PDB file of N, CA and C in Angstrom:
ATOM      1  N   MET A   1     129.276 104.920 134.837  1.00  0.00           N
ATOM      2  CA  MET A   1     128.588 105.142 133.551  1.00  0.00           C
ATOM      3  C   MET A   1     127.212 105.767 133.481  1.00  0.00           C
ATOM      4  N   ILE A   2     126.930 106.793 132.893  1.00  0.00           N
ATOM      5  CA  ILE A   2     125.707 107.621 132.784  1.00  0.00           C
ATOM      6  C   ILE A   2     124.826 107.126 131.736  1.00  0.00           C
ATOM      7  N   VAL A   3     123.950 106.749 131.868  1.00  0.00           N
ATOM      8  CA  VAL A   3     122.945 106.616 130.842  1.00  0.00           C
ATOM      9  C   VAL A   3     121.751 107.713 131.002  1.00  0.00           C
ATOM     10  N   ILE A   4     121.441 108.612 129.755  1.00  0.00           N
ATOM     11  CA  ILE A   4     120.745 109.471 129.646  1.00  0.00           C
ATOM     12  C   ILE A   4     119.211 109.194 129.061  1.00  0.00           C
ATOM     13  N   ILE A   5     118.280 109.493 129.814  1.00  0.00           N
ATOM     14  CA  ILE A   5     116.876 109.002 129.448  1.00  0.00           C
ATOM     15  C   ILE A   5     116.418 110.312 128.613  1.00  0.00           C
ATOM     16  N   ASN A   6     116.418 111.504 129.082  1.00  0.00           N
ATOM     17  CA  ASN A   6     116.150 112.602 128.514  1.00  0.00           C
ATOM     18  C   ASN A   6     116.982 113.786 129.039  1.00  0.00           C
ATOM     19  N   ASP A   7     116.485 114.960 128.618  1.00  0.00           N
ATOM     20  CA  ASP A   7     117.019 116.140 129.591  1.00  0.00           C
ATOM     21  C   ASP A   7     116.902 116.053 130.836  1.00  0.00           C
ATOM     22  N   ASP A   8     115.955 115.428 131.438  1.00  0.00           N
ATOM     23  CA  ASP A   8     116.030 115.754 132.942  1.00  0.00           C
ATOM     24  C   ASP A   8     116.199 114.565 133.666  1.00  0.00           C
ATOM     25  N   TYR A   9     116.351 113.330 133.033  1.00  0.00           N
ATOM     26  CA  TYR A   9     116.710 112.066 133.952  1.00  0.00           C
ATOM     27  C   TYR A   9     117.859 111.416 133.281  1.00  0.00           C
ATOM     28  N   GLN A  10     118.283 111.146 134.140  1.00  0.00           N
ATOM     29  CA  GLN A  10     119.505 109.867 133.872  1.00  0.00           C
ATOM     30  C   GLN A  10     119.753 108.728 134.830  1.00  0.00           C
ATOM     31  N   VAL A  11     120.171 107.810 134.367  1.00  0.00           N
ATOM     32  CA  VAL A  11     120.518 106.690 135.393  1.00  0.00           C
ATOM     33  C   VAL A  11     122.050 106.493 135.547  1.00  0.00           C
ATOM     34  N   LYS A  12     122.589 106.344 136.577  1.00  0.00           N
ATOM     35  CA  LYS A  12     124.080 106.208 136.918  1.00  0.00           C
ATOM     36  C   LYS A  12     124.144 105.083 137.103  1.00  0.00           C
ATOM     37  N   VAL A  13     124.980 104.226 136.513  1.00  0.00           N
ATOM     38  CA  VAL A  13     125.230 102.757 136.587  1.00  0.00           C
ATOM     39  C   VAL A  13     126.498 102.638 137.436  1.00  0.00           C
ATOM     40  N   ASP A  14     126.935 101.940 138.529  1.00  0.00           N
ATOM     41  CA  ASP A  14     127.881 101.942 139.422  1.00  0.00           C
ATOM     42  C   ASP A  14     128.162 100.242 139.230  1.00  0.00           C
ATOM     43  N   ASN A  15     129.523 100.166 139.900  1.00  0.00           N
ATOM     44  CA  ASN A  15     130.048  98.737 139.943  1.00  0.00           C
ATOM     45  C   ASN A  15     128.718  98.035 140.616  1.00  0.00           C
ATOM     46  N   TYR A  16     128.838  97.019 140.537  1.00  0.00           N
ATOM     47  CA  TYR A  16     127.973  95.736 141.559  1.00  0.00           C
ATOM     48  C   TYR A  16     126.357  96.005 141.207  1.00  0.00           C
ATOM     49  N   SER A  17     125.968  96.561 140.063  1.00  0.00           N
ATOM     50  CA  SER A  17     124.768  96.468 139.722  1.00  0.00           C
ATOM     51  C   SER A  17     123.873  97.483 140.503  1.00  0.00           C
ATOM     52  N   ASN A  18     124.438  98.839 140.586  1.00  0.00           N
ATOM     53  CA  ASN A  18     123.515  99.528 141.455  1.00  0.00           C
ATOM     54  C   ASN A  18     123.181 100.741 140.299  1.00  0.00           C
ATOM     55  N   TYR A  19     122.099 100.856 140.509  1.00  0.00           N
ATOM     56  CA  TYR A  19     121.295 101.917 139.632  1.00  0.00           C
ATOM     57  C   TYR A  19     120.817 103.222 140.182  1.00  0.00           C
ATOM     58  N   THR A  20     121.250 104.224 139.996  1.00  0.00           N
ATOM     59  CA  THR A  20     120.586 105.429 140.664  1.00  0.00           C
ATOM     60  C   THR A  20     120.132 106.357 139.873  1.00  0.00           C
ATOM     61  N   LEU A  21     118.725 106.743 139.965  1.00  0.00           N
ATOM     62  CA  LEU A  21     118.064 107.638 139.056  1.00  0.00           C
ATOM     63  C   LEU A  21     118.211 109.151 139.498  1.00  0.00           C
ATOM     64  N   LEU A  22     118.657 109.675 138.666  1.00  0.00           N
ATOM     65  CA  LEU A  22     118.804 111.197 138.961  1.00  0.00           C
ATOM     66  C   LEU A  22     118.025 112.164 138.130  1.00  0.00           C
ATOM     67  N   LYS A  23     117.732 113.248 138.587  1.00  0.00           N
ATOM     68  CA  LYS A  23     117.085 114.227 137.949  1.00  0.00           C
ATOM     69  C   LYS A  23     117.552 115.417 137.935  1.00  0.00           C
ATOM     70  N   ALA A  24     117.617 116.397 136.788  1.00  0.00           N
ATOM     71  CA  ALA A  24     118.051 117.455 136.562  1.00  0.00           C
ATOM     72  C   ALA A  24     117.603 118.680 137.508  1.00  0.00           C
ATOM     73  N   ILE A  25     118.455 119.512 138.073  1.00  0.00           N
ATOM     74  CA  ILE A  25     117.898 120.567 139.026  1.00  0.00           C
ATOM     75  C   ILE A  25     117.575 121.733 138.203  1.00  0.00           C
ATOM     76  N   ARG A  26     116.257 122.296 138.032  1.00  0.00           N
ATOM     77  CA  ARG A  26     116.282 123.569 137.265  1.00  0.00           C
ATOM     78  C   ARG A  26     115.966 124.826 138.339  1.00  0.00           C
ATOM     79  N   ASP A  27     116.228 125.933 137.608  1.00  0.00           N
ATOM     80  CA  ASP A  27     115.958 127.217 138.335  1.00  0.00           C
ATOM     81  C   ASP A  27     114.575 127.902 138.228  1.00  0.00           C
ATOM     82  N   GLU A  28     114.279 128.544 138.437  1.00  0.00           N
ATOM     83  CA  GLU A  28     112.767 129.502 138.402  1.00  0.00           C
ATOM     84  C   GLU A  28     112.768 129.771 137.169  1.00  0.00           C
ATOM     85  N   SER A  29     113.630 129.913 136.239  1.00  0.00           N
ATOM     86  CA  SER A  29     113.305 130.233 134.706  1.00  0.00           C
ATOM     87  C   SER A  29     112.959 128.748 134.053  1.00  0.00           C
ATOM     88  N   GLY A  30     113.341 127.723 134.541  1.00  0.00           N
ATOM     89  CA  GLY A  30     113.400 126.661 134.021  1.00  0.00           C
ATOM     90  C   GLY A  30     114.337 125.922 133.347  1.00  0.00           C
ATOM     91  N   ALA A  31     115.759 126.659 133.423  1.00  0.00           N
ATOM     92  CA  ALA A  31     116.825 126.265 132.955  1.00  0.00           C
ATOM     93  C   ALA A  31     117.782 125.490 133.914  1.00  0.00           C
ATOM     94  N   ILE A  32     118.522 124.410 133.260  1.00  0.00           N
ATOM     95  CA  ILE A  32     119.067 123.360 134.190  1.00  0.00           C
ATOM     96  C   ILE A  32     120.201 124.122 134.853  1.00  0.00           C
ATOM     97  N   LYS A  33     120.173 124.225 136.297  1.00  0.00           N
ATOM     98  CA  LYS A  33     121.398 124.744 137.108  1.00  0.00           C
ATOM     99  C   LYS A  33     122.505 123.828 136.749  1.00  0.00           C
ATOM    100  N   THR A  34     123.674 124.819 136.831  1.00  0.00           N
ATOM    101  CA  THR A  34     125.141 124.175 137.047  1.00  0.00           C
ATOM    102  C   THR A  34     125.786 124.471 138.056  1.00  0.00           C
ATOM    103  N   GLY A  35     126.894 123.398 138.152  1.00  0.00           N
ATOM    104  CA  GLY A  35     127.866 123.628 139.416  1.00  0.00           C
ATOM    105  C   GLY A  35     129.034 124.477 139.164  1.00  0.00           C
ATOM    106  N   LYS A  36     129.652 124.708 140.019  1.00  0.00           N
ATOM    107  CA  LYS A  36     131.383 125.348 139.969  1.00  0.00           C
ATOM    108  C   LYS A  36     131.775 124.575 138.883  1.00  0.00           C
ATOM    109  N   ASP A  37     131.492 123.645 138.303  1.00  0.00           N
ATOM    110  CA  ASP A  37     132.359 122.953 137.325  1.00  0.00           C
ATOM    111  C   ASP A  37     131.558 123.063 136.011  1.00  0.00           C
ATOM    112  N   ASP A  38     130.706 123.840 135.924  1.00  0.00           N
ATOM    113  CA  ASP A  38     129.731 124.125 134.860  1.00  0.00           C
ATOM    114  C   ASP A  38     129.288 122.999 134.074  1.00  0.00           C
ATOM    115  N   LEU A  39     129.069 121.731 134.894  1.00  0.00           N
ATOM    116  CA  LEU A  39     128.119 120.570 134.660  1.00  0.00           C
ATOM    117  C   LEU A  39     126.822 120.812 135.346  1.00  0.00           C
ATOM    118  N   PRO A  40     125.757 120.160 134.827  1.00  0.00           N
ATOM    119  CA  PRO A  40     124.466 120.003 135.070  1.00  0.00           C
ATOM    120  C   PRO A  40     124.409 119.440 136.824  1.00  0.00           C
ATOM    121  N   MET A  41     123.441 120.128 137.342  1.00  0.00           N
ATOM    122  CA  MET A  41     123.408 119.735 138.791  1.00  0.00           C
ATOM    123  C   MET A  41     122.019 118.569 138.833  1.00  0.00           C
ATOM    124  N   PHE A  42     122.167 117.315 139.628  1.00  0.00           N
ATOM    125  CA  PHE A  42     121.291 116.669 139.565  1.00  0.00           C
ATOM    126  C   PHE A  42     121.087 116.142 141.340  1.00  0.00           C
ATOM    127  N   THR A  43     119.592 115.679 141.288  1.00  0.00           N
ATOM    128  CA  THR A  43     119.304 115.271 142.688  1.00  0.00           C
ATOM    129  C   THR A  43     118.798 113.760 142.356  1.00  0.00           C
ATOM    130  N   THR A  44     119.230 112.947 143.381  1.00  0.00           N
ATOM    131  CA  THR A  44     118.813 111.381 143.724  1.00  0.00           C
ATOM    132  C   THR A  44     117.613 111.492 143.667  1.00  0.00           C
ATOM    133  N   LYS A  45     116.750 110.730 142.934  1.00  0.00           N
ATOM    134  CA  LYS A  45     115.359 110.398 143.137  1.00  0.00           C
ATOM    135  C   LYS A  45     115.166 108.525 143.603  1.00  0.00           C
ATOM    136  N   GLY A  46     116.234 107.667 143.499  1.00  0.00           N
ATOM    137  CA  GLY A  46     116.066 106.385 144.176  1.00  0.00           C
ATOM    138  C   GLY A  46     117.019 105.463 143.682  1.00  0.00           C
ATOM    139  N   TYR A  47     117.093 104.481 144.091  1.00  0.00           N
ATOM    140  CA  TYR A  47     118.342 103.659 144.100  1.00  0.00           C
ATOM    141  C   TYR A  47     117.744 102.343 143.768  1.00  0.00           C
ATOM    142  N   TYR A  48     118.054 101.708 142.501  1.00  0.00           N
ATOM    143  CA  TYR A  48     117.263 100.475 142.184  1.00  0.00           C
ATOM    144  C   TYR A  48     118.353  99.123 141.862  1.00  0.00           C
ATOM    145  N   SER A  49     117.705  97.985 141.733  1.00  0.00           N
ATOM    146  CA  SER A  49     118.671  96.839 141.496  1.00  0.00           C
ATOM    147  C   SER A  49     118.963  96.816 139.954  1.00  0.00           C
ATOM    148  N   ASN A  50     118.208  97.110 139.405  1.00  0.00           N
ATOM    149  CA  ASN A  50     118.052  97.261 137.724  1.00  0.00           C
ATOM    150  C   ASN A  50     117.560  98.141 136.764  1.00  0.00           C
ATOM    151  N   MET A  51     118.005  98.025 135.707  1.00  0.00           N
ATOM    152  CA  MET A  51     117.869  99.335 134.650  1.00  0.00           C
ATOM    153  C   MET A  51     116.221  99.526 134.666  1.00  0.00           C
ATOM    154  N   SER A  52     115.532  98.237 134.562  1.00  0.00           N
ATOM    155  CA  SER A  52     114.352  98.247 134.310  1.00  0.00           C
ATOM    156  C   SER A  52     113.381  98.714 135.321  1.00  0.00           C
ATOM    157  N   ARG A  53     113.822  98.364 136.480  1.00  0.00           N
ATOM    158  CA  ARG A  53     113.088  99.103 137.675  1.00  0.00           C
ATOM    159  C   ARG A  53     113.218 100.742 137.782  1.00  0.00           C
ATOM    160  N   ALA A  54     114.584 100.880 137.482  1.00  0.00           N
ATOM    161  CA  ALA A  54     115.066 102.464 137.274  1.00  0.00           C
ATOM    162  C   ALA A  54     114.156 103.471 136.335  1.00  0.00           C
ATOM    163  N   MET A  55     113.899 102.518 135.004  1.00  0.00           N
ATOM    164  CA  MET A  55     113.073 103.249 134.086  1.00  0.00           C
ATOM    165  C   MET A  55     111.527 103.265 134.491  1.00  0.00           C
ATOM    166  N   ASN A  56     110.914 102.136 135.277  1.00  0.00           N
ATOM    167  CA  ASN A  56     109.456 102.391 135.765  1.00  0.00           C
ATOM    168  C   ASN A  56     109.269 103.344 136.246  1.00  0.00           C
ATOM    169  N   ALA A  57     110.259 103.592 137.458  1.00  0.00           N
ATOM    170  CA  ALA A  57     110.208 104.696 138.338  1.00  0.00           C
ATOM    171  C   ALA A  57     110.206 105.889 137.674  1.00  0.00           C
ATOM    172  N   CYS A  58     111.228 105.827 136.773  1.00  0.00           N
ATOM    173  CA  CYS A  58     111.175 107.294 135.973  1.00  0.00           C
ATOM    174  C   CYS A  58     109.833 107.933 135.394  1.00  0.00           C
ATOM    175  N   ILE A  59     109.448 106.768 134.538  1.00  0.00           N
ATOM    176  CA  ILE A  59     108.113 106.909 134.234  1.00  0.00           C
ATOM    177  C   ILE A  59     107.053 107.562 135.144  1.00  0.00           C
ATOM    178  N   HIS A  60     107.001 106.981 136.198  1.00  0.00           N
ATOM    179  CA  HIS A  60     106.012 107.703 137.341  1.00  0.00           C
ATOM    180  C   HIS A  60     106.401 109.005 137.710  1.00  0.00           C
ATOM    181  N   LEU A  61     107.741 109.424 137.751  1.00  0.00           N
ATOM    182  CA  LEU A  61     108.050 110.675 138.276  1.00  0.00           C
ATOM    183  C   LEU A  61     108.024 111.412 137.000  1.00  0.00           C
ATOM    184  N   MET A  62     107.879 111.285 135.815  1.00  0.00           N
ATOM    185  CA  MET A  62     107.603 112.300 134.776  1.00  0.00           C
ATOM    186  C   MET A  62     106.058 112.637 134.707  1.00  0.00           C
ATOM    187  N   LEU A  63     105.425 111.858 135.131  1.00  0.00           N
ATOM    188  CA  LEU A  63     103.817 111.807 135.309  1.00  0.00           C
ATOM    189  C   LEU A  63     103.761 112.840 136.521  1.00  0.00           C
ATOM    190  N   GLU A  64     104.393 112.885 137.708  1.00  0.00           N
ATOM    191  CA  GLU A  64     104.609 113.824 138.574  1.00  0.00           C
ATOM    192  C   GLU A  64     105.018 115.143 138.204  1.00  0.00           C
ATOM    193  N   ASP A  65     105.856 115.225 137.528  1.00  0.00           N
ATOM    194  CA  ASP A  65     106.373 116.345 136.734  1.00  0.00           C
ATOM    195  C   ASP A  65     105.280 117.435 135.977  1.00  0.00           C
ATOM    196  N   LYS A  66     104.509 116.484 135.090  1.00  0.00           N
ATOM    197  CA  LYS A  66     103.896 117.022 134.507  1.00  0.00           C
ATOM    198  C   LYS A  66     102.163 117.435 134.926  1.00  0.00           C
ATOM    199  N   TYR A  67     101.887 116.895 136.002  1.00  0.00           N
ATOM    200  CA  TYR A  67     100.759 117.008 136.580  1.00  0.00           C
ATOM    201  C   TYR A  67     100.558 116.822 138.151  1.00  0.00           C
ATOM    202  N   ASP A  68     100.138 117.967 138.736  1.00  0.00           N
ATOM    203  CA  ASP A  68      99.654 118.164 140.134  1.00  0.00           C
ATOM    204  C   ASP A  68      98.707 117.203 140.707  1.00  0.00           C
ATOM    205  N   VAL A  69      97.574 117.432 140.002  1.00  0.00           N
ATOM    206  CA  VAL A  69      96.237 116.628 140.459  1.00  0.00           C
ATOM    207  C   VAL A  69      95.736 115.797 139.050  1.00  0.00           C
ATOM    208  N   MET A  70      95.312 114.727 139.243  1.00  0.00           N
ATOM    209  CA  MET A  70      94.845 114.140 138.063  1.00  0.00           C
ATOM    210  C   MET A  70      93.576 113.105 138.568  1.00  0.00           C
ATOM    211  N   GLU A  71      92.883 113.112 137.480  1.00  0.00           N
ATOM    212  CA  GLU A  71      91.810 111.878 137.985  1.00  0.00           C
ATOM    213  C   GLU A  71      92.383 110.247 137.696  1.00  0.00           C
ATOM    214  N   LEU A  72      91.794 109.243 138.301  1.00  0.00           N
ATOM    215  CA  LEU A  72      92.771 108.269 138.147  1.00  0.00           C
ATOM    216  C   LEU A  72      92.370 107.645 136.728  1.00  0.00           C
ATOM    217  N   THR A  73      91.211 107.855 135.917  1.00  0.00           N
ATOM    218  CA  THR A  73      91.409 107.536 134.307  1.00  0.00           C
ATOM    219  C   THR A  73      92.361 108.305 133.587  1.00  0.00           C
ATOM    220  N   GLN A  74      92.528 109.473 133.844  1.00  0.00           N
ATOM    221  CA  GLN A  74      93.578 110.217 133.274  1.00  0.00           C
ATOM    222  C   GLN A  74      94.929 109.937 133.586  1.00  0.00           C
ATOM    223  N   TYR A  75      95.426 109.428 134.881  1.00  0.00           N
ATOM    224  CA  TYR A  75      96.404 109.098 135.477  1.00  0.00           C
ATOM    225  C   TYR A  75      96.611 107.648 134.429  1.00  0.00           C
ATOM    226  N   LEU A  76      95.843 106.701 134.582  1.00  0.00           N
ATOM    227  CA  LEU A  76      95.995 105.470 133.894  1.00  0.00           C
ATOM    228  C   LEU A  76      96.184 105.499 132.290  1.00  0.00           C
ATOM    229  N   ASP A  77      95.723 106.583 131.702  1.00  0.00           N
ATOM    230  CA  ASP A  77      95.930 106.890 130.243  1.00  0.00           C
ATOM    231  C   ASP A  77      96.977 107.276 129.984  1.00  0.00           C
ATOM    232  N   GLU A  78      97.641 108.269 130.946  1.00  0.00           N
ATOM    233  CA  GLU A  78      98.976 108.976 130.715  1.00  0.00           C
ATOM    234  C   GLU A  78     100.081 107.885 130.975  1.00  0.00           C
ATOM    235  N   LEU A  79      99.811 107.208 131.901  1.00  0.00           N
ATOM    236  CA  LEU A  79     100.676 106.060 132.210  1.00  0.00           C
ATOM    237  C   LEU A  79     100.876 105.349 131.359  1.00  0.00           C
ATOM    238  N   GLU A  80      99.810 104.739 130.538  1.00  0.00           N
ATOM    239  CA  GLU A  80      99.970 103.751 129.559  1.00  0.00           C
ATOM    240  C   GLU A  80     100.430 104.456 128.227  1.00  0.00           C
ATOM    241  N   ASN A  81     100.450 105.797 127.961  1.00  0.00           N
ATOM    242  CA  ASN A  81     100.903 106.150 126.861  1.00  0.00           C
ATOM    243  C   ASN A  81     102.603 106.770 127.021  1.00  0.00           C
ATOM    244  N   LEU A  82     103.151 107.014 128.395  1.00  0.00           N
ATOM    245  CA  LEU A  82     104.560 107.007 128.757  1.00  0.00           C
ATOM    246  C   LEU A  82     105.305 105.375 128.406  1.00  0.00           C
ATOM    247  N   GLU A  83     104.055 104.469 129.102  1.00  0.00           N
ATOM    248  CA  GLU A  83     104.892 103.102 129.024  1.00  0.00           C
ATOM    249  C   GLU A  83     105.156 102.705 127.591  1.00  0.00           C
ATOM    250  N   ALA A  84     104.013 103.147 126.613  1.00  0.00           N
ATOM    251  CA  ALA A  84     104.210 102.699 125.041  1.00  0.00           C
ATOM    252  C   ALA A  84     105.211 103.142 124.588  1.00  0.00           C
ATOM    253  N   LYS A  85     105.709 104.597 125.164  1.00  0.00           N
ATOM    254  CA  LYS A  85     106.781 105.202 124.245  1.00  0.00           C
ATOM    255  C   LYS A  85     108.030 104.198 124.867  1.00  0.00           C
ATOM    256  N   PHE A  86     108.344 104.072 126.098  1.00  0.00           N
ATOM    257  CA  PHE A  86     109.369 103.439 126.518  1.00  0.00           C
ATOM    258  C   PHE A  86     109.515 102.075 126.477  1.00  0.00           C
ATOM    259  N   ARG A  87     108.226 101.305 125.735  1.00  0.00           N
ATOM    260  CA  ARG A  87     108.045  99.975 125.929  1.00  0.00           C
ATOM    261  C   ARG A  87     109.207  99.174 125.165  1.00  0.00           C
ATOM    262  N   PRO A  88     109.537  99.721 123.841  1.00  0.00           N
ATOM    263  CA  PRO A  88     110.606  99.150 123.312  1.00  0.00           C
ATOM    264  C   PRO A  88     112.043  98.922 123.997  1.00  0.00           C
ATOM    265  N   VAL A  89     112.331  99.909 124.833  1.00  0.00           N
ATOM    266  CA  VAL A  89     113.614  99.900 125.793  1.00  0.00           C
ATOM    267  C   VAL A  89     113.292  98.895 126.831  1.00  0.00           C
ATOM    268  N   LEU A  90     112.242  99.268 127.664  1.00  0.00           N
ATOM    269  CA  LEU A  90     111.869  98.081 128.744  1.00  0.00           C
ATOM    270  C   LEU A  90     111.801  96.647 128.286  1.00  0.00           C
ATOM    271  N   GLU A  91     111.375  96.315 127.188  1.00  0.00           N
ATOM    272  CA  GLU A  91     111.291  94.895 126.898  1.00  0.00           C
ATOM    273  C   GLU A  91     112.448  94.627 126.491  1.00  0.00           C
ATOM    274  N   ARG A  92     113.654  95.315 126.009  1.00  0.00           N
ATOM    275  CA  ARG A  92     115.127  94.777 125.801  1.00  0.00           C
ATOM    276  C   ARG A  92     115.695  94.630 127.215  1.00  0.00           C
ATOM    277  N   PHE A  93     115.462  95.370 128.009  1.00  0.00           N
ATOM    278  CA  PHE A  93     115.994  95.349 129.314  1.00  0.00           C
ATOM    279  C   PHE A  93     115.236  93.987 130.148  1.00  0.00           C
ATOM    280  N   ARG A  94     114.121  93.959 129.955  1.00  0.00           N
ATOM    281  CA  ARG A  94     113.575  92.423 130.722  1.00  0.00           C
ATOM    282  C   ARG A  94     114.075  91.607 130.188  1.00  0.00           C
ATOM    283  N   LYS A  95     114.613  91.446 128.768  1.00  0.00           N
ATOM    284  CA  LYS A  95     115.291  90.090 128.249  1.00  0.00           C
ATOM    285  C   LYS A  95     116.305  90.052 128.835  1.00  0.00           C
ATOM    286  N   GLY A  96     117.504  90.946 129.115  1.00  0.00           N
ATOM    287  CA  GLY A  96     118.849  90.925 129.480  1.00  0.00           C
ATOM    288  C   GLY A  96     118.944  91.274 130.830  1.00  0.00           C
ATOM    289  N   ASP A  97     118.080  91.523 131.716  1.00  0.00           N
ATOM    290  CA  ASP A  97     118.089  92.020 133.157  1.00  0.00           C
ATOM    291  C   ASP A  97     118.489  90.749 133.860  1.00  0.00           C
TER     292      ASP A  97
END
């Protein structure tokens, strides 16, 4: 099963509770690359034991995508904003994880 987080990220859920965080591969123009079968191409960003951990990793990767260099206070502010955006989802996973 695939769980779509946004245009760039998704989590592949395999049997035996393996959660693989995937990121779309984009070309120079910013468009998502497609493979021979015309499906979007993804790269593996990590393997996790539950959805909550995969989501937390995704949040940090989203920050890396957006900024090359950040001051610590800016990083913490941006991290707080993203966590607030995903908090309802993360809380639901924590209850059932």
